[in-house]
Amino acid sequence: VLRKLQLSNRHELTRWATARRLV
């Protein structure tokens, strides 16, 4: 579960970074 959560968190972080970069 922790591994899956970490992976999801990493994906979310990347998405957030992309959104921030887009703005």
PDB file of N, CA and C in Angstrom:
ATOM      1  N   VAL A   1       0.851  -1.202   0.000  1.00  0.00           N
ATOM      2  CA  VAL A   1       0.000   0.000   0.000  1.00  0.00           C
ATOM      3  C   VAL A   1       0.880   1.243   0.000  1.00  0.00           C
ATOM      4  N   LEU A   2       1.892   1.226   0.832  1.00  0.00           N
ATOM      5  CA  LEU A   2       2.775   2.401   0.914  1.00  0.00           C
ATOM      6  C   LEU A   2       3.441   2.637  -0.442  1.00  0.00           C
ATOM      7  N   ARG A   3       3.857   1.539  -1.060  1.00  0.00           N
ATOM      8  CA  ARG A   3       4.520   1.678  -2.356  1.00  0.00           C
ATOM      9  C   ARG A   3       3.561   2.300  -3.371  1.00  0.00           C
ATOM     10  N   LYS A   4       2.342   1.823  -3.376  1.00  0.00           N
ATOM     11  CA  LYS A   4       1.356   2.346  -4.330  1.00  0.00           C
ATOM     12  C   LYS A   4       1.089   3.825  -4.026  1.00  0.00           C
ATOM     13  N   LEU A   5       0.993   4.139  -2.751  1.00  0.00           N
ATOM     14  CA  LEU A   5       0.712   5.528  -2.369  1.00  0.00           C
ATOM     15  C   LEU A   5       1.867   6.420  -2.816  1.00  0.00           C
ATOM     16  N   GLN A   6       3.092   5.928  -2.615  1.00  0.00           N
ATOM     17  CA  GLN A   6       4.256   6.724  -3.010  1.00  0.00           C
ATOM     18  C   GLN A   6       4.251   6.953  -4.518  1.00  0.00           C
ATOM     19  N   LEU A   7       3.911   5.908  -5.261  1.00  0.00           N
ATOM     20  CA  LEU A   7       3.894   6.034  -6.720  1.00  0.00           C
ATOM     21  C   LEU A   7       2.842   7.059  -7.132  1.00  0.00           C
ATOM     22  N   SER A   8       1.688   6.960  -6.492  1.00  0.00           N
ATOM     23  CA  SER A   8       0.599   7.887  -6.830  1.00  0.00           C
ATOM     24  C   SER A   8       1.024   9.306  -6.470  1.00  0.00           C
ATOM     25  N   ASN A   9       1.699   9.430  -5.326  1.00  0.00           N
ATOM     26  CA  ASN A   9       2.130  10.757  -4.892  1.00  0.00           C
ATOM     27  C   ASN A   9       3.130  11.316  -5.898  1.00  0.00           C
ATOM     28  N   ARG A  10       4.003  10.464  -6.393  1.00  0.00           N
ATOM     29  CA  ARG A  10       5.007  10.914  -7.364  1.00  0.00           C
ATOM     30  C   ARG A  10       4.305  11.388  -8.637  1.00  0.00           C
ATOM     31  N   HIS A  11       3.327  10.645  -9.071  1.00  0.00           N
ATOM     32  CA  HIS A  11       2.597  11.012 -10.289  1.00  0.00           C
ATOM     33  C   HIS A  11       1.873  12.342 -10.079  1.00  0.00           C
ATOM     34  N   GLU A  12       1.291  12.478  -8.882  1.00  0.00           N
ATOM     35  CA  GLU A  12       0.565  13.718  -8.587  1.00  0.00           C
ATOM     36  C   GLU A  12       1.537  14.887  -8.569  1.00  0.00           C
ATOM     37  N   LEU A  13       2.708  14.645  -8.007  1.00  0.00           N
ATOM     38  CA  LEU A  13       3.715  15.715  -7.926  1.00  0.00           C
ATOM     39  C   LEU A  13       4.125  16.133  -9.341  1.00  0.00           C
ATOM     40  N   THR A  14       4.306  15.137 -10.210  1.00  0.00           N
ATOM     41  CA  THR A  14       4.703  15.456 -11.591  1.00  0.00           C
ATOM     42  C   THR A  14       3.608  16.262 -12.274  1.00  0.00           C
ATOM     43  N   ARG A  15       2.375  15.846 -12.032  1.00  0.00           N
ATOM     44  CA  ARG A  15       1.244  16.539 -12.663  1.00  0.00           C
ATOM     45  C   ARG A  15       1.177  17.976 -12.130  1.00  0.00           C
ATOM     46  N   TRP A  16       1.413  18.113 -10.855  1.00  0.00           N
ATOM     47  CA  TRP A  16       1.369  19.454 -10.250  1.00  0.00           C
ATOM     48  C   TRP A  16       2.477  20.321 -10.849  1.00  0.00           C
ATOM     49  N   ALA A  17       3.661  19.726 -10.973  1.00  0.00           N
ATOM     50  CA  ALA A  17       4.799  20.466 -11.534  1.00  0.00           C
ATOM     51  C   ALA A  17       4.483  20.873 -12.973  1.00  0.00           C
ATOM     52  N   THR A  18       3.885  19.973 -13.717  1.00  0.00           N
ATOM     53  CA  THR A  18       3.550  20.288 -15.115  1.00  0.00           C
ATOM     54  C   THR A  18       2.529  21.415 -15.172  1.00  0.00           C
ATOM     55  N   ALA A  19       1.526  21.327 -14.320  1.00  0.00           N
ATOM     56  CA  ALA A  19       0.479  22.361 -14.312  1.00  0.00           C
ATOM     57  C   ALA A  19       1.105  23.700 -13.929  1.00  0.00           C
ATOM     58  N   ARG A  20       1.978  23.679 -12.942  1.00  0.00           N
ATOM     59  CA  ARG A  20       2.604  24.931 -12.489  1.00  0.00           C
ATOM     60  C   ARG A  20       3.480  25.476 -13.626  1.00  0.00           C
ATOM     61  N   ARG A  21       4.183  24.606 -14.302  1.00  0.00           N
ATOM     62  CA  ARG A  21       5.064  25.054 -15.387  1.00  0.00           C
ATOM     63  C   ARG A  21       4.215  25.629 -16.527  1.00  0.00           C
ATOM     64  N   LEU A  22       3.048  25.027 -16.736  1.00  0.00           N
ATOM     65  CA  LEU A  22       2.189  25.490 -17.826  1.00  0.00           C
ATOM     66  C   LEU A  22       1.698  26.908 -17.532  1.00  0.00           C
ATOM     67  N   VAL A  23       1.381  27.148 -16.273  1.00  0.00           N
ATOM     68  CA  VAL A  23       0.865  28.476 -15.901  1.00  0.00           C
ATOM     69  C   VAL A  23       1.969  29.504 -16.068  1.00  0.00           C
TER      70      VAL A  23
END
